[in-house]
Amino acid sequence: VPVKDGDDVTGVLGASVYLEGITEALKDELPGTVFYAVDKEGKFALN
C-alpha cells in the first residue's frame, strides 16, 4: 500500500503473507481436497 503526501508517494507499507501457512490451514479446513490458485503472473499461489 502506498504512503502518500498529496499525490506524491513517499513510501510503501507492505506485508509478505506466508502461502505455505495458509495452505496448511486450508488442508485442515478442506481435508482430502485437491485445490490450487494461480496468480496473475502464472505462478502457483496455493497448491
All heavy atoms as atom14 arrays in JSON, in Angstrom:
{
  "sequence": "VPVKDGDDVTGVLGASVYLEGITEALKDELPGTVFYAVDKEGKFALN",
  "atom14_mask": [
    [1, 1, 1, 1, 1, 1, 1, 0, 0, 0, 0, 0, 0, 0],
    [1, 1, 1, 1, 1, 1, 1, 0, 0, 0, 0, 0, 0, 0],
    [1, 1, 1, 1, 1, 1, 1, 0, 0, 0, 0, 0, 0, 0],
    [1, 1, 1, 1, 1, 1, 1, 1, 1, 0, 0, 0, 0, 0],
    [1, 1, 1, 1, 1, 1, 1, 1, 0, 0, 0, 0, 0, 0],
    [1, 1, 1, 1, 0, 0, 0, 0, 0, 0, 0, 0, 0, 0],
    [1, 1, 1, 1, 1, 1, 1, 1, 0, 0, 0, 0, 0, 0],
    [1, 1, 1, 1, 1, 1, 1, 1, 0, 0, 0, 0, 0, 0],
    [1, 1, 1, 1, 1, 1, 1, 0, 0, 0, 0, 0, 0, 0],
    [1, 1, 1, 1, 1, 1, 1, 0, 0, 0, 0, 0, 0, 0],
    [1, 1, 1, 1, 0, 0, 0, 0, 0, 0, 0, 0, 0, 0],
    [1, 1, 1, 1, 1, 1, 1, 0, 0, 0, 0, 0, 0, 0],
    [1, 1, 1, 1, 1, 1, 1, 1, 0, 0, 0, 0, 0, 0],
    [1, 1, 1, 1, 0, 0, 0, 0, 0, 0, 0, 0, 0, 0],
    [1, 1, 1, 1, 1, 0, 0, 0, 0, 0, 0, 0, 0, 0],
    [1, 1, 1, 1, 1, 1, 0, 0, 0, 0, 0, 0, 0, 0],
    [1, 1, 1, 1, 1, 1, 1, 0, 0, 0, 0, 0, 0, 0],
    [1, 1, 1, 1, 1, 1, 1, 1, 1, 1, 1, 1, 0, 0],
    [1, 1, 1, 1, 1, 1, 1, 1, 0, 0, 0, 0, 0, 0],
    [1, 1, 1, 1, 1, 1, 1, 1, 1, 0, 0, 0, 0, 0],
    [1, 1, 1, 1, 0, 0, 0, 0, 0, 0, 0, 0, 0, 0],
    [1, 1, 1, 1, 1, 1, 1, 1, 0, 0, 0, 0, 0, 0],
    [1, 1, 1, 1, 1, 1, 1, 0, 0, 0, 0, 0, 0, 0],
    [1, 1, 1, 1, 1, 1, 1, 1, 1, 0, 0, 0, 0, 0],
    [1, 1, 1, 1, 1, 0, 0, 0, 0, 0, 0, 0, 0, 0],
    [1, 1, 1, 1, 1, 1, 1, 1, 0, 0, 0, 0, 0, 0],
    [1, 1, 1, 1, 1, 1, 1, 1, 1, 0, 0, 0, 0, 0],
    [1, 1, 1, 1, 1, 1, 1, 1, 0, 0, 0, 0, 0, 0],
    [1, 1, 1, 1, 1, 1, 1, 1, 1, 0, 0, 0, 0, 0],
    [1, 1, 1, 1, 1, 1, 1, 1, 0, 0, 0, 0, 0, 0],
    [1, 1, 1, 1, 1, 1, 1, 0, 0, 0, 0, 0, 0, 0],
    [1, 1, 1, 1, 0, 0, 0, 0, 0, 0, 0, 0, 0, 0],
    [1, 1, 1, 1, 1, 1, 1, 0, 0, 0, 0, 0, 0, 0],
    [1, 1, 1, 1, 1, 1, 1, 0, 0, 0, 0, 0, 0, 0],
    [1, 1, 1, 1, 1, 1, 1, 1, 1, 1, 1, 0, 0, 0],
    [1, 1, 1, 1, 1, 1, 1, 1, 1, 1, 1, 1, 0, 0],
    [1, 1, 1, 1, 1, 0, 0, 0, 0, 0, 0, 0, 0, 0],
    [1, 1, 1, 1, 1, 1, 1, 0, 0, 0, 0, 0, 0, 0],
    [1, 1, 1, 1, 1, 1, 1, 1, 0, 0, 0, 0, 0, 0],
    [1, 1, 1, 1, 1, 1, 1, 1, 1, 0, 0, 0, 0, 0],
    [1, 1, 1, 1, 1, 1, 1, 1, 1, 0, 0, 0, 0, 0],
    [1, 1, 1, 1, 0, 0, 0, 0, 0, 0, 0, 0, 0, 0],
    [1, 1, 1, 1, 1, 1, 1, 1, 1, 0, 0, 0, 0, 0],
    [1, 1, 1, 1, 1, 1, 1, 1, 1, 1, 1, 0, 0, 0],
    [1, 1, 1, 1, 1, 0, 0, 0, 0, 0, 0, 0, 0, 0],
    [1, 1, 1, 1, 1, 1, 1, 1, 0, 0, 0, 0, 0, 0],
    [1, 1, 1, 1, 1, 1, 1, 1, 0, 0, 0, 0, 0, 0]
  ],
  "atom14_positions": [
    [[0.86, -1.19, 0.0], [0.0, 0.0, 0.0], [0.89, 1.24, 0.0], [1.81, 1.34, 0.82], [-0.91, 0.0, 1.24], [-1.71, 1.29, 1.33], [-1.83, -1.21, 1.23], [0.0, 0.0, 0.0], [0.0, 0.0, 0.0], [0.0, 0.0, 0.0], [0.0, 0.0, 0.0], [0.0, 0.0, 0.0], [0.0, 0.0, 0.0], [0.0, 0.0, 0.0]],
    [[0.65, 2.21, -0.9], [1.48, 3.41, -0.91], [1.17, 4.34, 0.25], [0.03, 4.45, 0.7], [1.11, 4.07, -2.25], [-0.28, 3.61, -2.53], [-0.37, 2.21, -1.97], [0.0, 0.0, 0.0], [0.0, 0.0, 0.0], [0.0, 0.0, 0.0], [0.0, 0.0, 0.0], [0.0, 0.0, 0.0], [0.0, 0.0, 0.0], [0.0, 0.0, 0.0]],
    [[2.19, 4.98, 0.74], [2.05, 6.08, 1.7], [2.19, 7.37, 0.9], [3.17, 7.55, 0.17], [3.11, 6.01, 2.81], [2.97, 7.19, 3.77], [3.02, 4.68, 3.55], [0.0, 0.0, 0.0], [0.0, 0.0, 0.0], [0.0, 0.0, 0.0], [0.0, 0.0, 0.0], [0.0, 0.0, 0.0], [0.0, 0.0, 0.0], [0.0, 0.0, 0.0]],
    [[1.2, 8.29, 1.02], [1.17, 9.45, 0.14], [1.23, 10.76, 0.92], [0.74, 10.86, 2.04], [-0.09, 9.45, -0.71], [-0.2, 8.3, -1.7], [-1.47, 8.42, -2.52], [-1.61, 7.31, -3.55], [-2.85, 7.45, -4.34], [0.0, 0.0, 0.0], [0.0, 0.0, 0.0], [0.0, 0.0, 0.0], [0.0, 0.0, 0.0], [0.0, 0.0, 0.0]],
    [[1.83, 11.73, 0.27], [1.76, 13.13, 0.7], [1.11, 13.87, -0.45], [1.77, 14.24, -1.42], [3.15, 13.67, 1.0], [3.12, 15.13, 1.45], [2.02, 15.67, 1.63], [4.2, 15.72, 1.6], [0.0, 0.0, 0.0], [0.0, 0.0, 0.0], [0.0, 0.0, 0.0], [0.0, 0.0, 0.0], [0.0, 0.0, 0.0], [0.0, 0.0, 0.0]],
    [[-0.23, 14.04, -0.36], [-0.96, 14.55, -1.52], [-0.97, 13.48, -2.6], [-1.38, 12.35, -2.39], [0.0, 0.0, 0.0], [0.0, 0.0, 0.0], [0.0, 0.0, 0.0], [0.0, 0.0, 0.0], [0.0, 0.0, 0.0], [0.0, 0.0, 0.0], [0.0, 0.0, 0.0], [0.0, 0.0, 0.0], [0.0, 0.0, 0.0], [0.0, 0.0, 0.0]],
    [[-0.46, 13.85, -3.79], [-0.39, 12.88, -4.89], [0.97, 12.18, -4.95], [1.16, 11.29, -5.79], [-0.64, 13.6, -6.23], [-2.07, 14.09, -6.35], [-2.97, 13.46, -5.75], [-2.29, 15.11, -7.05], [0.0, 0.0, 0.0], [0.0, 0.0, 0.0], [0.0, 0.0, 0.0], [0.0, 0.0, 0.0], [0.0, 0.0, 0.0], [0.0, 0.0, 0.0]],
    [[1.89, 12.6, -4.13], [3.24, 12.03, -4.16], [3.34, 10.81, -3.24], [2.89, 10.84, -2.09], [4.26, 13.07, -3.73], [4.31, 14.26, -4.66], [4.07, 14.07, -5.87], [4.59, 15.39, -4.18], [0.0, 0.0, 0.0], [0.0, 0.0, 0.0], [0.0, 0.0, 0.0], [0.0, 0.0, 0.0], [0.0, 0.0, 0.0], [0.0, 0.0, 0.0]],
    [[3.95, 9.74, -3.75], [4.21, 8.55, -2.94], [5.53, 8.75, -2.2], [6.57, 9.02, -2.82], [4.28, 7.29, -3.83], [4.68, 6.08, -2.99], [2.94, 7.05, -4.51], [0.0, 0.0, 0.0], [0.0, 0.0, 0.0], [0.0, 0.0, 0.0], [0.0, 0.0, 0.0], [0.0, 0.0, 0.0], [0.0, 0.0, 0.0], [0.0, 0.0, 0.0]],
    [[5.48, 8.64, -0.89], [6.68, 8.86, -0.07], [7.24, 7.56, 0.51], [8.36, 7.54, 1.02], [6.37, 9.82, 1.09], [5.34, 9.24, 1.92], [5.91, 11.16, 0.56], [0.0, 0.0, 0.0], [0.0, 0.0, 0.0], [0.0, 0.0, 0.0], [0.0, 0.0, 0.0], [0.0, 0.0, 0.0], [0.0, 0.0, 0.0], [0.0, 0.0, 0.0]],
    [[6.48, 6.5, 0.43], [6.93, 5.22, 0.96], [5.91, 4.13, 0.69], [4.85, 4.39, 0.09], [0.0, 0.0, 0.0], [0.0, 0.0, 0.0], [0.0, 0.0, 0.0], [0.0, 0.0, 0.0], [0.0, 0.0, 0.0], [0.0, 0.0, 0.0], [0.0, 0.0, 0.0], [0.0, 0.0, 0.0], [0.0, 0.0, 0.0], [0.0, 0.0, 0.0]],
    [[6.22, 2.91, 1.13], [5.34, 1.77, 0.89], [5.24, 0.96, 2.18], [6.26, 0.57, 2.76], [5.87, 0.87, -0.25], [4.95, -0.34, -0.43], [6.01, 1.66, -1.54], [0.0, 0.0, 0.0], [0.0, 0.0, 0.0], [0.0, 0.0, 0.0], [0.0, 0.0, 0.0], [0.0, 0.0, 0.0], [0.0, 0.0, 0.0], [0.0, 0.0, 0.0]],
    [[4.02, 0.68, 2.61], [3.77, -0.27, 3.69], [3.4, -1.61, 3.05], [2.56, -1.64, 2.13], [2.64, 0.19, 4.6], [2.9, 1.45, 5.44], [1.68, 1.74, 6.31], [4.13, 1.29, 6.31], [0.0, 0.0, 0.0], [0.0, 0.0, 0.0], [0.0, 0.0, 0.0], [0.0, 0.0, 0.0], [0.0, 0.0, 0.0], [0.0, 0.0, 0.0]],
    [[4.01, -2.69, 3.53], [3.77, -3.97, 2.88], [3.7, -5.13, 3.85], [4.1, -5.04, 5.01], [0.0, 0.0, 0.0], [0.0, 0.0, 0.0], [0.0, 0.0, 0.0], [0.0, 0.0, 0.0], [0.0, 0.0, 0.0], [0.0, 0.0, 0.0], [0.0, 0.0, 0.0], [0.0, 0.0, 0.0], [0.0, 0.0, 0.0], [0.0, 0.0, 0.0]],
    [[3.17, -6.23, 3.33], [3.12, -7.49, 4.06], [3.46, -8.61, 3.11], [3.02, -8.62, 1.95], [1.73, -7.72, 4.67], [0.0, 0.0, 0.0], [0.0, 0.0, 0.0], [0.0, 0.0, 0.0], [0.0, 0.0, 0.0], [0.0, 0.0, 0.0], [0.0, 0.0, 0.0], [0.0, 0.0, 0.0], [0.0, 0.0, 0.0], [0.0, 0.0, 0.0]],
    [[4.25, -9.54, 3.59], [4.55, -10.77, 2.86], [3.79, -11.89, 3.57], [4.16, -12.31, 4.66], [6.06, -11.05, 2.86], [6.77, -9.98, 2.28], [0.0, 0.0, 0.0], [0.0, 0.0, 0.0], [0.0, 0.0, 0.0], [0.0, 0.0, 0.0], [0.0, 0.0, 0.0], [0.0, 0.0, 0.0], [0.0, 0.0, 0.0], [0.0, 0.0, 0.0]],
    [[2.69, -12.34, 2.96], [1.8, -13.31, 3.58], [2.27, -14.71, 3.23], [2.41, -15.06, 2.04], [0.35, -13.09, 3.12], [-0.58, -14.07, 3.81], [-0.09, -11.66, 3.38], [0.0, 0.0, 0.0], [0.0, 0.0, 0.0], [0.0, 0.0, 0.0], [0.0, 0.0, 0.0], [0.0, 0.0, 0.0], [0.0, 0.0, 0.0], [0.0, 0.0, 0.0]],
    [[2.51, -15.55, 4.23], [3.1, -16.87, 4.03], [2.09, -17.83, 3.39], [1.09, -18.21, 4.01], [3.58, -17.45, 5.35], [4.58, -16.6, 6.1], [4.65, -16.64, 7.48], [5.45, -15.75, 5.43], [5.57, -15.87, 8.18], [6.36, -14.96, 6.1], [6.41, -15.03, 7.5], [7.32, -14.26, 8.18], [0.0, 0.0, 0.0], [0.0, 0.0, 0.0]],
    [[2.38, -18.26, 2.18], [1.44, -19.09, 1.43], [1.41, -20.53, 1.93], [0.37, -21.19, 1.87], [1.79, -19.03, -0.05], [1.6, -17.65, -0.68], [2.12, -17.63, -2.11], [0.13, -17.23, -0.63], [0.0, 0.0, 0.0], [0.0, 0.0, 0.0], [0.0, 0.0, 0.0], [0.0, 0.0, 0.0], [0.0, 0.0, 0.0], [0.0, 0.0, 0.0]],
    [[2.53, -21.03, 2.41], [2.51, -22.4, 2.94], [1.68, -22.47, 4.2], [0.97, -23.46, 4.44], [3.94, -22.89, 3.19], [4.7, -23.21, 1.91], [6.06, -23.84, 2.18], [6.26, -24.38, 3.3], [6.91, -23.81, 1.27], [0.0, 0.0, 0.0], [0.0, 0.0, 0.0], [0.0, 0.0, 0.0], [0.0, 0.0, 0.0], [0.0, 0.0, 0.0]],
    [[1.74, -21.43, 5.03], [0.93, -21.41, 6.24], [-0.55, -21.42, 5.91], [-1.35, -22.15, 6.53], [0.0, 0.0, 0.0], [0.0, 0.0, 0.0], [0.0, 0.0, 0.0], [0.0, 0.0, 0.0], [0.0, 0.0, 0.0], [0.0, 0.0, 0.0], [0.0, 0.0, 0.0], [0.0, 0.0, 0.0], [0.0, 0.0, 0.0], [0.0, 0.0, 0.0]],
    [[-0.96, -20.61, 4.93], [-2.36, -20.58, 4.51], [-2.76, -21.93, 3.91], [-3.84, -22.45, 4.17], [-2.6, -19.44, 3.51], [-2.54, -18.09, 4.24], [-3.95, -19.6, 2.81], [-2.77, -16.9, 3.36], [0.0, 0.0, 0.0], [0.0, 0.0, 0.0], [0.0, 0.0, 0.0], [0.0, 0.0, 0.0], [0.0, 0.0, 0.0], [0.0, 0.0, 0.0]],
    [[-1.86, -22.52, 3.12], [-2.16, -23.82, 2.51], [-2.38, -24.89, 3.57], [-3.32, -25.7, 3.47], [-1.01, -24.23, 1.57], [-0.92, -23.3, 0.49], [-1.25, -25.62, 0.99], [0.0, 0.0, 0.0], [0.0, 0.0, 0.0], [0.0, 0.0, 0.0], [0.0, 0.0, 0.0], [0.0, 0.0, 0.0], [0.0, 0.0, 0.0], [0.0, 0.0, 0.0]],
    [[-1.52, -24.94, 4.57], [-1.69, -25.95, 5.62], [-2.99, -25.74, 6.38], [-3.67, -26.72, 6.74], [-0.49, -25.91, 6.58], [0.82, -26.36, 5.94], [0.74, -27.74, 5.32], [0.13, -28.64, 5.93], [1.26, -27.91, 4.19], [0.0, 0.0, 0.0], [0.0, 0.0, 0.0], [0.0, 0.0, 0.0], [0.0, 0.0, 0.0], [0.0, 0.0, 0.0]],
    [[-3.37, -24.5, 6.62], [-4.64, -24.23, 7.27], [-5.81, -24.68, 6.4], [-6.8, -25.24, 6.89], [-4.77, -22.74, 7.59], [0.0, 0.0, 0.0], [0.0, 0.0, 0.0], [0.0, 0.0, 0.0], [0.0, 0.0, 0.0], [0.0, 0.0, 0.0], [0.0, 0.0, 0.0], [0.0, 0.0, 0.0], [0.0, 0.0, 0.0], [0.0, 0.0, 0.0]],
    [[-5.69, -24.47, 5.08], [-6.74, -24.91, 4.16], [-6.85, -26.43, 4.11], [-7.95, -26.97, 3.96], [-6.48, -24.35, 2.76], [-6.77, -22.85, 2.58], [-6.14, -22.33, 1.3], [-8.28, -22.62, 2.59], [0.0, 0.0, 0.0], [0.0, 0.0, 0.0], [0.0, 0.0, 0.0], [0.0, 0.0, 0.0], [0.0, 0.0, 0.0], [0.0, 0.0, 0.0]],
    [[-5.72, -27.11, 4.22], [-5.77, -28.57, 4.25], [-6.56, -29.07, 5.45], [-7.27, -30.08, 5.38], [-4.36, -29.15, 4.28], [-3.6, -29.04, 2.96], [-2.23, -29.67, 3.1], [-1.43, -29.57, 1.81], [-0.09, -30.2, 1.94], [0.0, 0.0, 0.0], [0.0, 0.0, 0.0], [0.0, 0.0, 0.0], [0.0, 0.0, 0.0], [0.0, 0.0, 0.0]],
    [[-6.45, -28.36, 6.57], [-7.24, -28.72, 7.75], [-8.72, -28.41, 7.53], [-9.6, -29.16, 7.98], [-6.73, -27.97, 8.98], [-5.35, -28.43, 9.41], [-4.96, -29.57, 9.07], [-4.65, -27.64, 10.07], [0.0, 0.0, 0.0], [0.0, 0.0, 0.0], [0.0, 0.0, 0.0], [0.0, 0.0, 0.0], [0.0, 0.0, 0.0], [0.0, 0.0, 0.0]],
    [[-8.99, -27.29, 6.86], [-10.37, -26.89, 6.61], [-11.03, -27.77, 5.55], [-12.24, -28.03, 5.62], [-10.42, -25.43, 6.15], [-10.01, -24.41, 7.21], [-11.07, -24.23, 8.27], [-12.26, -24.35, 7.95], [-10.69, -23.97, 9.44], [0.0, 0.0, 0.0], [0.0, 0.0, 0.0], [0.0, 0.0, 0.0], [0.0, 0.0, 0.0], [0.0, 0.0, 0.0]],
    [[-10.25, -28.2, 4.57], [-10.78, -28.96, 3.42], [-10.01, -30.27, 3.27], [-9.3, -30.48, 2.28], [-10.66, -28.14, 2.14], [-11.32, -26.75, 2.15], [-10.89, -25.95, 0.92], [-12.84, -26.9, 2.19], [0.0, 0.0, 0.0], [0.0, 0.0, 0.0], [0.0, 0.0, 0.0], [0.0, 0.0, 0.0], [0.0, 0.0, 0.0], [0.0, 0.0, 0.0]],
    [[-10.11, -31.19, 4.23], [-9.3, -32.41, 4.18], [-9.57, -33.24, 2.94], [-10.72, -33.43, 2.53], [-9.72, -33.16, 5.46], [-11.06, -32.59, 5.82], [-11.03, -31.16, 5.38], [0.0, 0.0, 0.0], [0.0, 0.0, 0.0], [0.0, 0.0, 0.0], [0.0, 0.0, 0.0], [0.0, 0.0, 0.0], [0.0, 0.0, 0.0], [0.0, 0.0, 0.0]],
    [[-8.49, -33.69, 2.31], [-8.6, -34.53, 1.12], [-8.85, -33.8, -0.17], [-8.9, -34.42, -1.24], [0.0, 0.0, 0.0], [0.0, 0.0, 0.0], [0.0, 0.0, 0.0], [0.0, 0.0, 0.0], [0.0, 0.0, 0.0], [0.0, 0.0, 0.0], [0.0, 0.0, 0.0], [0.0, 0.0, 0.0], [0.0, 0.0, 0.0], [0.0, 0.0, 0.0]],
    [[-9.01, -32.48, -0.13], [-9.38, -31.72, -1.32], [-8.15, -31.35, -2.15], [-7.14, -30.91, -1.6], [-10.12, -30.43, -0.92], [-11.27, -30.78, -0.15], [-10.56, -29.64, -2.15], [0.0, 0.0, 0.0], [0.0, 0.0, 0.0], [0.0, 0.0, 0.0], [0.0, 0.0, 0.0], [0.0, 0.0, 0.0], [0.0, 0.0, 0.0], [0.0, 0.0, 0.0]],
    [[-8.25, -31.52, -3.45], [-7.22, -31.03, -4.37], [-7.58, -29.61, -4.76], [-8.64, -29.36, -5.34], [-7.12, -31.92, -5.63], [-6.2, -31.27, -6.66], [-6.59, -33.3, -5.26], [0.0, 0.0, 0.0], [0.0, 0.0, 0.0], [0.0, 0.0, 0.0], [0.0, 0.0, 0.0], [0.0, 0.0, 0.0], [0.0, 0.0, 0.0], [0.0, 0.0, 0.0]],
    [[-6.75, -28.65, -4.41], [-7.03, -27.25, -4.7], [-5.75, -26.55, -5.12], [-4.65, -27.0, -4.83], [-7.65, -26.54, -3.49], [-6.75, -26.46, -2.28], [-5.81, -25.45, -2.15], [-6.85, -27.41, -1.27], [-4.98, -25.37, -1.04], [-6.03, -27.34, -0.15], [-5.09, -26.32, -0.04], [0.0, 0.0, 0.0], [0.0, 0.0, 0.0], [0.0, 0.0, 0.0]],
    [[-5.91, -25.42, -5.8], [-4.77, -24.59, -6.16], [-5.27, -23.21, -6.54], [-6.47, -22.99, -6.76], [-3.95, -25.2, -7.3], [-4.75, -25.67, -8.5], [-5.03, -24.82, -9.56], [-5.2, -26.99, -8.58], [-5.75, -25.26, -10.66], [-5.92, -27.44, -9.67], [-6.19, -26.57, -10.7], [-6.91, -27.0, -11.79], [0.0, 0.0, 0.0], [0.0, 0.0, 0.0]],
    [[-4.35, -22.27, -6.57], [-4.64, -20.92, -7.06], [-3.45, -20.48, -7.89], [-2.3, -20.78, -7.56], [-4.88, -19.95, -5.91], [0.0, 0.0, 0.0], [0.0, 0.0, 0.0], [0.0, 0.0, 0.0], [0.0, 0.0, 0.0], [0.0, 0.0, 0.0], [0.0, 0.0, 0.0], [0.0, 0.0, 0.0], [0.0, 0.0, 0.0], [0.0, 0.0, 0.0]],
    [[-3.72, -19.78, -8.96], [-2.69, -19.29, -9.87], [-2.76, -17.77, -9.9], [-3.84, -17.19, -10.11], [-2.87, -19.85, -11.29], [-1.78, -19.34, -12.23], [-2.87, -21.38, -11.27], [0.0, 0.0, 0.0], [0.0, 0.0, 0.0], [0.0, 0.0, 0.0], [0.0, 0.0, 0.0], [0.0, 0.0, 0.0], [0.0, 0.0, 0.0], [0.0, 0.0, 0.0]],
    [[-1.62, -17.1, -9.69], [-1.64, -15.64, -9.67], [-1.61, -15.07, -11.08], [-1.54, -15.81, -12.08], [-0.51, -15.1, -8.8], [0.84, -15.05, -9.51], [1.01, -15.7, -10.57], [1.76, -14.37, -8.99], [0.0, 0.0, 0.0], [0.0, 0.0, 0.0], [0.0, 0.0, 0.0], [0.0, 0.0, 0.0], [0.0, 0.0, 0.0], [0.0, 0.0, 0.0]],
    [[-1.67, -13.75, -11.18], [-1.75, -13.09, -12.48], [-0.51, -13.29, -13.33], [-0.55, -13.14, -14.56], [-2.01, -11.59, -12.27], [-3.37, -11.27, -11.69], [-3.58, -9.79, -11.45], [-2.78, -9.3, -10.27], [-3.09, -7.89, -9.91], [0.0, 0.0, 0.0], [0.0, 0.0, 0.0], [0.0, 0.0, 0.0], [0.0, 0.0, 0.0], [0.0, 0.0, 0.0]],
    [[0.63, -13.62, -12.7], [1.87, -13.86, -13.43], [2.06, -15.33, -13.78], [3.11, -15.72, -14.29], [3.05, -13.34, -12.62], [3.0, -11.83, -12.4], [4.17, -11.31, -11.59], [4.97, -12.13, -11.1], [4.3, -10.07, -11.46], [0.0, 0.0, 0.0], [0.0, 0.0, 0.0], [0.0, 0.0, 0.0], [0.0, 0.0, 0.0], [0.0, 0.0, 0.0]],
    [[1.06, -16.17, -13.48], [1.14, -17.58, -13.84], [1.88, -18.45, -12.85], [2.31, -19.55, -13.2], [0.0, 0.0, 0.0], [0.0, 0.0, 0.0], [0.0, 0.0, 0.0], [0.0, 0.0, 0.0], [0.0, 0.0, 0.0], [0.0, 0.0, 0.0], [0.0, 0.0, 0.0], [0.0, 0.0, 0.0], [0.0, 0.0, 0.0], [0.0, 0.0, 0.0]],
    [[2.01, -18.01, -11.6], [2.65, -18.82, -10.56], [1.59, -19.44, -9.66], [0.54, -18.83, -9.43], [3.59, -17.96, -9.71], [4.77, -17.38, -10.44], [5.6, -16.52, -9.49], [6.77, -15.86, -10.2], [7.52, -14.95, -9.29], [0.0, 0.0, 0.0], [0.0, 0.0, 0.0], [0.0, 0.0, 0.0], [0.0, 0.0, 0.0], [0.0, 0.0, 0.0]],
    [[1.89, -20.62, -9.14], [1.01, -21.2, -8.14], [1.09, -20.36, -6.86], [2.14, -20.25, -6.25], [1.41, -22.63, -7.81], [0.93, -23.66, -8.78], [1.81, -24.49, -9.44], [-0.44, -23.8, -9.03], [1.36, -25.45, -10.33], [-0.9, -24.75, -9.93], [0.0, -25.58, -10.58], [0.0, 0.0, 0.0], [0.0, 0.0, 0.0], [0.0, 0.0, 0.0]],
    [[-0.03, -19.78, -6.47], [-0.11, -19.07, -5.2], [-0.42, -20.04, -4.07], [0.05, -19.87, -2.95], [-1.17, -17.98, -5.27], [0.0, 0.0, 0.0], [0.0, 0.0, 0.0], [0.0, 0.0, 0.0], [0.0, 0.0, 0.0], [0.0, 0.0, 0.0], [0.0, 0.0, 0.0], [0.0, 0.0, 0.0], [0.0, 0.0, 0.0], [0.0, 0.0, 0.0]],
    [[-1.24, -21.02, -4.36], [-1.59, -22.1, -3.43], [-1.53, -23.41, -4.19], [-1.71, -23.43, -5.41], [-3.0, -21.91, -2.87], [-3.36, -20.59, -2.18], [-4.85, -20.55, -1.9], [-2.56, -20.43, -0.89], [0.0, 0.0, 0.0], [0.0, 0.0, 0.0], [0.0, 0.0, 0.0], [0.0, 0.0, 0.0], [0.0, 0.0, 0.0], [0.0, 0.0, 0.0]],
    [[-1.3, -24.49, -3.47], [-1.41, -25.81, -4.08], [-1.46, -26.84, -2.97], [-0.64, -26.79, -2.04], [-0.24, -26.1, -5.01], [-0.56, -27.21, -6.0], [-0.88, -28.32, -5.61], [-0.47, -26.89, -7.29], [0.0, 0.0, 0.0], [0.0, 0.0, 0.0], [0.0, 0.0, 0.0], [0.0, 0.0, 0.0], [0.0, 0.0, 0.0], [0.0, 0.0, 0.0]]
  ]
}
